[in-house]
Amino acid sequence: MYEVLLTKKAEKEINKLARVDSSKLIAKLLNLVYPFPSNFDIDKIWGVDHFYRLRVGRVRAIFEVDFSRKEIWVRKVGYRGSVYKF
C-alpha cells in the first residue's frame, strides 16, 4: 500500500485554493493508490521520470512516486494555467 504525503509547499497551495476545489482534490488524494485507478485522470509528465499529473476539474496536482519506499509525494498543486511552470 502506497502512502500519500504532501510537501509543505503543496499544503500551502491547497489552502490557497477555493474550498470546493480543495475538498474535491483532497478526496481524490486520499483514495490515490498505485497502480492508479482507471477512473482517475492521471497522466505521466513527459520527460521526467516518476512524475505524474492528477486532474480534478480545474485543479492539477503534480506528484512523484517513490517505488522503493512505496510513497506518493504531492509536490505542486494549482490551477490549470500556472501549475506547470516550474
PDB file of N, CA and C in Angstrom:
ATOM      1  N   MET A   1       0.850  -1.187   0.000  1.00  0.00           N
ATOM      2  CA  MET A   1       0.000   0.000   0.000  1.00  0.00           C
ATOM      3  C   MET A   1       0.886   1.237   0.000  1.00  0.00           C
ATOM      4  N   TYR A   2       0.603   2.146  -0.903  1.00  0.00           N
ATOM      5  CA  TYR A   2       1.376   3.371  -1.028  1.00  0.00           C
ATOM      6  C   TYR A   2       0.795   4.450  -0.120  1.00  0.00           C
ATOM      7  N   GLU A   3       1.686   5.204   0.519  1.00  0.00           N
ATOM      8  CA  GLU A   3       1.293   6.280   1.419  1.00  0.00           C
ATOM      9  C   GLU A   3       1.377   7.611   0.670  1.00  0.00           C
ATOM     10  N   VAL A   4       0.340   8.432   0.764  1.00  0.00           N
ATOM     11  CA  VAL A   4       0.312   9.731   0.102  1.00  0.00           C
ATOM     12  C   VAL A   4       0.797  10.783   1.086  1.00  0.00           C
ATOM     13  N   LEU A   5       1.847  11.525   0.693  1.00  0.00           N
ATOM     14  CA  LEU A   5       2.442  12.550   1.534  1.00  0.00           C
ATOM     15  C   LEU A   5       2.453  13.880   0.797  1.00  0.00           C
ATOM     16  N   LEU A   6       2.313  14.971   1.535  1.00  0.00           N
ATOM     17  CA  LEU A   6       2.324  16.315   0.962  1.00  0.00           C
ATOM     18  C   LEU A   6       3.570  17.058   1.401  1.00  0.00           C
ATOM     19  N   THR A   7       4.181  17.793   0.492  1.00  0.00           N
ATOM     20  CA  THR A   7       5.247  18.694   0.892  1.00  0.00           C
ATOM     21  C   THR A   7       4.597  19.913   1.545  1.00  0.00           C
ATOM     22  N   LYS A   8       5.396  20.690   2.270  1.00  0.00           N
ATOM     23  CA  LYS A   8       4.858  21.895   2.907  1.00  0.00           C
ATOM     24  C   LYS A   8       4.345  22.875   1.863  1.00  0.00           C
ATOM     25  N   LYS A   9       5.043  22.956   0.733  1.00  0.00           N
ATOM     26  CA  LYS A   9       4.625  23.844  -0.344  1.00  0.00           C
ATOM     27  C   LYS A   9       3.256  23.409  -0.888  1.00  0.00           C
ATOM     28  N   ALA A  10       3.064  22.116  -1.064  1.00  0.00           N
ATOM     29  CA  ALA A  10       1.789  21.610  -1.576  1.00  0.00           C
ATOM     30  C   ALA A  10       0.664  21.885  -0.581  1.00  0.00           C
ATOM     31  N   GLU A  11       0.936  21.749   0.717  1.00  0.00           N
ATOM     32  CA  GLU A  11      -0.079  22.043   1.731  1.00  0.00           C
ATOM     33  C   GLU A  11      -0.525  23.503   1.647  1.00  0.00           C
ATOM     34  N   LYS A  12       0.437  24.416   1.504  1.00  0.00           N
ATOM     35  CA  LYS A  12       0.115  25.835   1.394  1.00  0.00           C
ATOM     36  C   LYS A  12      -0.694  26.118   0.143  1.00  0.00           C
ATOM     37  N   GLU A  13      -0.315  25.456  -0.953  1.00  0.00           N
ATOM     38  CA  GLU A  13      -1.032  25.675  -2.209  1.00  0.00           C
ATOM     39  C   GLU A  13      -2.463  25.149  -2.139  1.00  0.00           C
ATOM     40  N   ILE A  14      -2.681  24.047  -1.442  1.00  0.00           N
ATOM     41  CA  ILE A  14      -4.040  23.525  -1.265  1.00  0.00           C
ATOM     42  C   ILE A  14      -4.879  24.491  -0.440  1.00  0.00           C
ATOM     43  N   ASN A  15      -4.277  25.077   0.584  1.00  0.00           N
ATOM     44  CA  ASN A  15      -5.001  26.039   1.424  1.00  0.00           C
ATOM     45  C   ASN A  15      -5.392  27.300   0.661  1.00  0.00           C
ATOM     46  N   LYS A  16      -4.667  27.634  -0.411  1.00  0.00           N
ATOM     47  CA  LYS A  16      -4.973  28.822  -1.202  1.00  0.00           C
ATOM     48  C   LYS A  16      -6.092  28.580  -2.211  1.00  0.00           C
ATOM     49  N   LEU A  17      -6.436  27.333  -2.462  1.00  0.00           N
ATOM     50  CA  LEU A  17      -7.487  27.010  -3.426  1.00  0.00           C
ATOM     51  C   LEU A  17      -8.854  27.362  -2.852  1.00  0.00           C
ATOM     52  N   ALA A  18      -9.828  27.474  -3.729  1.00  0.00           N
ATOM     53  CA  ALA A  18     -11.210  27.650  -3.286  1.00  0.00           C
ATOM     54  C   ALA A  18     -11.629  26.406  -2.501  1.00  0.00           C
ATOM     55  N   ARG A  19     -12.492  26.570  -1.528  1.00  0.00           N
ATOM     56  CA  ARG A  19     -12.867  25.479  -0.638  1.00  0.00           C
ATOM     57  C   ARG A  19     -13.456  24.288  -1.400  1.00  0.00           C
ATOM     58  N   VAL A  20     -14.267  24.544  -2.393  1.00  0.00           N
ATOM     59  CA  VAL A  20     -14.877  23.468  -3.179  1.00  0.00           C
ATOM     60  C   VAL A  20     -13.798  22.680  -3.915  1.00  0.00           C
ATOM     61  N   ASP A  21     -12.863  23.390  -4.533  1.00  0.00           N
ATOM     62  CA  ASP A  21     -11.799  22.731  -5.289  1.00  0.00           C
ATOM     63  C   ASP A  21     -10.868  21.943  -4.376  1.00  0.00           C
ATOM     64  N   SER A  22     -10.522  22.522  -3.237  1.00  0.00           N
ATOM     65  CA  SER A  22      -9.603  21.825  -2.335  1.00  0.00           C
ATOM     66  C   SER A  22     -10.245  20.573  -1.741  1.00  0.00           C
ATOM     67  N   SER A  23     -11.531  20.612  -1.448  1.00  0.00           N
ATOM     68  CA  SER A  23     -12.179  19.430  -0.876  1.00  0.00           C
ATOM     69  C   SER A  23     -12.261  18.299  -1.903  1.00  0.00           C
ATOM     70  N   LYS A  24     -12.523  18.634  -3.165  1.00  0.00           N
ATOM     71  CA  LYS A  24     -12.536  17.608  -4.213  1.00  0.00           C
ATOM     72  C   LYS A  24     -11.158  16.998  -4.402  1.00  0.00           C
ATOM     73  N   LEU A  25     -10.120  17.843  -4.397  1.00  0.00           N
ATOM     74  CA  LEU A  25      -8.750  17.364  -4.572  1.00  0.00           C
ATOM     75  C   LEU A  25      -8.325  16.471  -3.420  1.00  0.00           C
ATOM     76  N   ILE A  26      -8.629  16.866  -2.208  1.00  0.00           N
ATOM     77  CA  ILE A  26      -8.255  16.073  -1.034  1.00  0.00           C
ATOM     78  C   ILE A  26      -8.948  14.713  -1.064  1.00  0.00           C
ATOM     79  N   ALA A  27     -10.199  14.690  -1.480  1.00  0.00           N
ATOM     80  CA  ALA A  27     -10.923  13.416  -1.580  1.00  0.00           C
ATOM     81  C   ALA A  27     -10.240  12.476  -2.575  1.00  0.00           C
ATOM     82  N   LYS A  28      -9.778  13.015  -3.702  1.00  0.00           N
ATOM     83  CA  LYS A  28      -9.077  12.188  -4.695  1.00  0.00           C
ATOM     84  C   LYS A  28      -7.724  11.726  -4.161  1.00  0.00           C
ATOM     85  N   LEU A  29      -7.000  12.623  -3.487  1.00  0.00           N
ATOM     86  CA  LEU A  29      -5.680  12.264  -2.977  1.00  0.00           C
ATOM     87  C   LEU A  29      -5.762  11.184  -1.899  1.00  0.00           C
ATOM     88  N   LEU A  30      -6.806  11.209  -1.091  1.00  0.00           N
ATOM     89  CA  LEU A  30      -6.966  10.197  -0.050  1.00  0.00           C
ATOM     90  C   LEU A  30      -7.225   8.816  -0.642  1.00  0.00           C
ATOM     91  N   ASN A  31      -7.778   8.760  -1.839  1.00  0.00           N
ATOM     92  CA  ASN A  31      -8.074   7.485  -2.496  1.00  0.00           C
ATOM     93  C   ASN A  31      -7.034   7.091  -3.537  1.00  0.00           C
ATOM     94  N   LEU A  32      -5.918   7.825  -3.595  1.00  0.00           N
ATOM     95  CA  LEU A  32      -4.885   7.564  -4.592  1.00  0.00           C
ATOM     96  C   LEU A  32      -4.061   6.350  -4.189  1.00  0.00           C
ATOM     97  N   VAL A  33      -3.979   5.381  -5.075  1.00  0.00           N
ATOM     98  CA  VAL A  33      -3.194   4.165  -4.841  1.00  0.00           C
ATOM     99  C   VAL A  33      -2.398   3.863  -6.105  1.00  0.00           C
ATOM    100  N   TYR A  34      -1.422   2.978  -5.964  1.00  0.00           N
ATOM    101  CA  TYR A  34      -0.672   2.512  -7.130  1.00  0.00           C
ATOM    102  C   TYR A  34      -0.874   1.023  -7.253  1.00  0.00           C
ATOM    103  N   PRO A  35      -1.174   0.461  -8.388  1.00  0.00           N
ATOM    104  CA  PRO A  35      -1.371   1.107  -9.693  1.00  0.00           C
ATOM    105  C   PRO A  35      -2.605   1.994  -9.683  1.00  0.00           C
ATOM    106  N   PHE A  36      -2.540   3.052 -10.473  1.00  0.00           N
ATOM    107  CA  PHE A  36      -3.558   4.085 -10.464  1.00  0.00           C
ATOM    108  C   PHE A  36      -4.892   3.558 -10.971  1.00  0.00           C
ATOM    109  N   PRO A  37      -5.989   3.933 -10.308  1.00  0.00           N
ATOM    110  CA  PRO A  37      -7.322   3.525 -10.785  1.00  0.00           C
ATOM    111  C   PRO A  37      -7.608   4.128 -12.158  1.00  0.00           C
ATOM    112  N   SER A  38      -8.326   3.408 -12.975  1.00  0.00           N
ATOM    113  CA  SER A  38      -8.602   3.883 -14.326  1.00  0.00           C
ATOM    114  C   SER A  38      -9.586   5.046 -14.349  1.00  0.00           C
ATOM    115  N   ASN A  39     -10.368   5.230 -13.288  1.00  0.00           N
ATOM    116  CA  ASN A  39     -11.333   6.334 -13.269  1.00  0.00           C
ATOM    117  C   ASN A  39     -10.709   7.650 -12.797  1.00  0.00           C
ATOM    118  N   PHE A  40      -9.423   7.649 -12.400  1.00  0.00           N
ATOM    119  CA  PHE A  40      -8.718   8.872 -12.050  1.00  0.00           C
ATOM    120  C   PHE A  40      -8.067   9.404 -13.318  1.00  0.00           C
ATOM    121  N   ASP A  41      -8.055  10.716 -13.481  1.00  0.00           N
ATOM    122  CA  ASP A  41      -7.441  11.327 -14.659  1.00  0.00           C
ATOM    123  C   ASP A  41      -5.968  11.603 -14.345  1.00  0.00           C
ATOM    124  N   ILE A  42      -5.127  10.583 -14.543  1.00  0.00           N
ATOM    125  CA  ILE A  42      -3.712  10.667 -14.224  1.00  0.00           C
ATOM    126  C   ILE A  42      -2.910  10.425 -15.498  1.00  0.00           C
ATOM    127  N   ASP A  43      -1.944  11.308 -15.752  1.00  0.00           N
ATOM    128  CA  ASP A  43      -1.038  11.164 -16.887  1.00  0.00           C
ATOM    129  C   ASP A  43       0.390  11.313 -16.409  1.00  0.00           C
ATOM    130  N   LYS A  44       1.295  10.625 -17.076  1.00  0.00           N
ATOM    131  CA  LYS A  44       2.714  10.762 -16.790  1.00  0.00           C
ATOM    132  C   LYS A  44       3.187  12.082 -17.371  1.00  0.00           C
ATOM    133  N   ILE A  45       4.044  12.771 -16.640  1.00  0.00           N
ATOM    134  CA  ILE A  45       4.607  14.011 -17.145  1.00  0.00           C
ATOM    135  C   ILE A  45       5.754  13.641 -18.073  1.00  0.00           C
ATOM    136  N   TRP A  46       5.663  14.113 -19.295  1.00  0.00           N
ATOM    137  CA  TRP A  46       6.592  13.745 -20.337  1.00  0.00           C
ATOM    138  C   TRP A  46       7.988  14.288 -20.034  1.00  0.00           C
ATOM    139  N   GLY A  47       8.984  13.441 -20.132  1.00  0.00           N
ATOM    140  CA  GLY A  47      10.372  13.859 -19.976  1.00  0.00           C
ATOM    141  C   GLY A  47      10.901  13.825 -18.553  1.00  0.00           C
ATOM    142  N   VAL A  48      10.079  13.458 -17.583  1.00  0.00           N
ATOM    143  CA  VAL A  48      10.508  13.415 -16.179  1.00  0.00           C
ATOM    144  C   VAL A  48      10.119  12.055 -15.612  1.00  0.00           C
ATOM    145  N   ASP A  49      11.084  11.330 -15.071  1.00  0.00           N
ATOM    146  CA  ASP A  49      10.799  10.001 -14.533  1.00  0.00           C
ATOM    147  C   ASP A  49      10.017  10.082 -13.230  1.00  0.00           C
ATOM    148  N   HIS A  50       9.028   9.227 -13.091  1.00  0.00           N
ATOM    149  CA  HIS A  50       8.248   9.021 -11.870  1.00  0.00           C
ATOM    150  C   HIS A  50       7.380  10.208 -11.458  1.00  0.00           C
ATOM    151  N   PHE A  51       7.176  11.189 -12.328  1.00  0.00           N
ATOM    152  CA  PHE A  51       6.298  12.317 -12.028  1.00  0.00           C
ATOM    153  C   PHE A  51       5.004  12.175 -12.821  1.00  0.00           C
ATOM    154  N   TYR A  52       3.890  12.463 -12.151  1.00  0.00           N
ATOM    155  CA  TYR A  52       2.570  12.312 -12.748  1.00  0.00           C
ATOM    156  C   TYR A  52       1.724  13.533 -12.441  1.00  0.00           C
ATOM    157  N   ARG A  53       0.612  13.658 -13.189  1.00  0.00           N
ATOM    158  CA  ARG A  53      -0.317  14.753 -13.010  1.00  0.00           C
ATOM    159  C   ARG A  53      -1.704  14.180 -12.728  1.00  0.00           C
ATOM    160  N   LEU A  54      -2.341  14.684 -11.683  1.00  0.00           N
ATOM    161  CA  LEU A  54      -3.716  14.328 -11.352  1.00  0.00           C
ATOM    162  C   LEU A  54      -4.582  15.524 -11.660  1.00  0.00           C
ATOM    163  N   ARG A  55      -5.646  15.318 -12.436  1.00  0.00           N
ATOM    164  CA  ARG A  55      -6.545  16.401 -12.807  1.00  0.00           C
ATOM    165  C   ARG A  55      -7.864  16.219 -12.074  1.00  0.00           C
ATOM    166  N   VAL A  56      -8.279  17.259 -11.369  1.00  0.00           N
ATOM    167  CA  VAL A  56      -9.570  17.283 -10.680  1.00  0.00           C
ATOM    168  C   VAL A  56     -10.228  18.606 -11.045  1.00  0.00           C
ATOM    169  N   GLY A  57     -11.052  18.576 -12.097  1.00  0.00           N
ATOM    170  CA  GLY A  57     -11.671  19.812 -12.573  1.00  0.00           C
ATOM    171  C   GLY A  57     -10.626  20.760 -13.116  1.00  0.00           C
ATOM    172  N   ARG A  58     -10.569  21.979 -12.560  1.00  0.00           N
ATOM    173  CA  ARG A  58      -9.586  22.975 -12.997  1.00  0.00           C
ATOM    174  C   ARG A  58      -8.267  22.854 -12.247  1.00  0.00           C
ATOM    175  N   VAL A  59      -8.224  22.017 -11.232  1.00  0.00           N
ATOM    176  CA  VAL A  59      -7.056  21.900 -10.365  1.00  0.00           C
ATOM    177  C   VAL A  59      -6.164  20.752 -10.834  1.00  0.00           C
ATOM    178  N   ARG A  60      -4.854  20.980 -10.746  1.00  0.00           N
ATOM    179  CA  ARG A  60      -3.881  19.951 -11.081  1.00  0.00           C
ATOM    180  C   ARG A  60      -2.978  19.721  -9.878  1.00  0.00           C
ATOM    181  N   ALA A  61      -2.626  18.454  -9.657  1.00  0.00           N
ATOM    182  CA  ALA A  61      -1.662  18.091  -8.616  1.00  0.00           C
ATOM    183  C   ALA A  61      -0.528  17.339  -9.299  1.00  0.00           C
ATOM    184  N   ILE A  62       0.684  17.815  -9.109  1.00  0.00           N
ATOM    185  CA  ILE A  62       1.865  17.155  -9.643  1.00  0.00           C
ATOM    186  C   ILE A  62       2.447  16.328  -8.509  1.00  0.00           C
ATOM    187  N   PHE A  63       2.630  15.035  -8.771  1.00  0.00           N
ATOM    188  CA  PHE A  63       3.157  14.177  -7.712  1.00  0.00           C
ATOM    189  C   PHE A  63       4.216  13.231  -8.249  1.00  0.00           C
ATOM    190  N   GLU A  64       5.023  12.736  -7.323  1.00  0.00           N
ATOM    191  CA  GLU A  64       6.124  11.831  -7.638  1.00  0.00           C
ATOM    192  C   GLU A  64       5.886  10.515  -6.905  1.00  0.00           C
ATOM    193  N   VAL A  65       6.164   9.415  -7.582  1.00  0.00           N
ATOM    194  CA  VAL A  65       6.006   8.100  -6.981  1.00  0.00           C
ATOM    195  C   VAL A  65       7.388   7.555  -6.658  1.00  0.00           C
ATOM    196  N   ASP A  66       7.613   7.246  -5.380  1.00  0.00           N
ATOM    197  CA  ASP A  66       8.860   6.611  -4.933  1.00  0.00           C
ATOM    198  C   ASP A  66       8.565   5.127  -4.749  1.00  0.00           C
ATOM    199  N   PHE A  67       8.953   4.339  -5.738  1.00  0.00           N
ATOM    200  CA  PHE A  67       8.610   2.922  -5.741  1.00  0.00           C
ATOM    201  C   PHE A  67       9.354   2.140  -4.664  1.00  0.00           C
ATOM    202  N   SER A  68      10.574   2.554  -4.328  1.00  0.00           N
ATOM    203  CA  SER A  68      11.340   1.814  -3.331  1.00  0.00           C
ATOM    204  C   SER A  68      10.766   1.970  -1.924  1.00  0.00           C
ATOM    205  N   ARG A  69      10.253   3.154  -1.604  1.00  0.00           N
ATOM    206  CA  ARG A  69       9.683   3.405  -0.273  1.00  0.00           C
ATOM    207  C   ARG A  69       8.165   3.261  -0.239  1.00  0.00           C
ATOM    208  N   LYS A  70       7.568   3.040  -1.416  1.00  0.00           N
ATOM    209  CA  LYS A  70       6.107   2.953  -1.549  1.00  0.00           C
ATOM    210  C   LYS A  70       5.426   4.214  -1.021  1.00  0.00           C
ATOM    211  N   GLU A  71       5.890   5.363  -1.542  1.00  0.00           N
ATOM    212  CA  GLU A  71       5.338   6.658  -1.154  1.00  0.00           C
ATOM    213  C   GLU A  71       4.952   7.448  -2.400  1.00  0.00           C
ATOM    214  N   ILE A  72       3.904   8.231  -2.272  1.00  0.00           N
ATOM    215  CA  ILE A  72       3.481   9.158  -3.314  1.00  0.00           C
ATOM    216  C   ILE A  72       3.595  10.558  -2.720  1.00  0.00           C
ATOM    217  N   TRP A  73       4.510  11.371  -3.268  1.00  0.00           N
ATOM    218  CA  TRP A  73       4.754  12.715  -2.769  1.00  0.00           C
ATOM    219  C   TRP A  73       4.077  13.733  -3.667  1.00  0.00           C
ATOM    220  N   VAL A  74       3.135  14.485  -3.126  1.00  0.00           N
ATOM    221  CA  VAL A  74       2.490  15.570  -3.861  1.00  0.00           C
ATOM    222  C   VAL A  74       3.428  16.768  -3.780  1.00  0.00           C
ATOM    223  N   ARG A  75       3.931  17.197  -4.938  1.00  0.00           N
ATOM    224  CA  ARG A  75       4.942  18.255  -4.992  1.00  0.00           C
ATOM    225  C   ARG A  75       4.362  19.647  -5.251  1.00  0.00           C
ATOM    226  N   LYS A  76       3.353  19.722  -6.122  1.00  0.00           N
ATOM    227  CA  LYS A  76       2.828  21.029  -6.501  1.00  0.00           C
ATOM    228  C   LYS A  76       1.336  20.912  -6.784  1.00  0.00           C
ATOM    229  N   VAL A  77       0.577  21.932  -6.390  1.00  0.00           N
ATOM    230  CA  VAL A  77      -0.868  21.969  -6.589  1.00  0.00           C
ATOM    231  C   VAL A  77      -1.233  23.362  -7.078  1.00  0.00           C
ATOM    232  N   GLY A  78      -2.125  23.419  -8.048  1.00  0.00           N
ATOM    233  CA  GLY A  78      -2.560  24.726  -8.519  1.00  0.00           C
ATOM    234  C   GLY A  78      -3.586  24.600  -9.618  1.00  0.00           C
ATOM    235  N   TYR A  79      -4.022  25.756 -10.073  1.00  0.00           N
ATOM    236  CA  TYR A  79      -4.980  25.776 -11.164  1.00  0.00           C
ATOM    237  C   TYR A  79      -4.262  25.519 -12.484  1.00  0.00           C
ATOM    238  N   ARG A  80      -5.014  25.141 -13.464  1.00  0.00           N
ATOM    239  CA  ARG A  80      -4.517  24.617 -14.729  1.00  0.00           C
ATOM    240  C   ARG A  80      -3.440  25.480 -15.376  1.00  0.00           C
ATOM    241  N   GLY A  81      -3.592  26.761 -15.402  1.00  0.00           N
ATOM    242  CA  GLY A  81      -2.660  27.606 -16.132  1.00  0.00           C
ATOM    243  C   GLY A  81      -1.294  27.772 -15.506  1.00  0.00           C
ATOM    244  N   SER A  82      -1.208  27.696 -14.190  1.00  0.00           N
ATOM    245  CA  SER A  82       0.039  28.043 -13.526  1.00  0.00           C
ATOM    246  C   SER A  82       0.804  26.869 -12.926  1.00  0.00           C
ATOM    247  N   VAL A  83       0.215  25.714 -12.836  1.00  0.00           N
ATOM    248  CA  VAL A  83       0.843  24.621 -12.110  1.00  0.00           C
ATOM    249  C   VAL A  83       2.036  24.027 -12.857  1.00  0.00           C
ATOM    250  N   TYR A  84       2.077  24.140 -14.171  1.00  0.00           N
ATOM    251  CA  TYR A  84       3.147  23.532 -14.952  1.00  0.00           C
ATOM    252  C   TYR A  84       4.402  24.386 -15.025  1.00  0.00           C
ATOM    253  N   LYS A  85       4.357  25.600 -14.531  1.00  0.00           N
ATOM    254  CA  LYS A  85       5.518  26.485 -14.554  1.00  0.00           C
ATOM    255  C   LYS A  85       6.399  26.188 -13.348  1.00  0.00           C
ATOM    256  N   PHE A  86       7.552  25.616 -13.608  1.00  0.00           N
ATOM    257  CA  PHE A  86       8.471  25.262 -12.509  1.00  0.00           C
ATOM    258  C   PHE A  86       9.361  26.418 -12.304  1.00  0.00           C
TER     259      PHE A  86
END
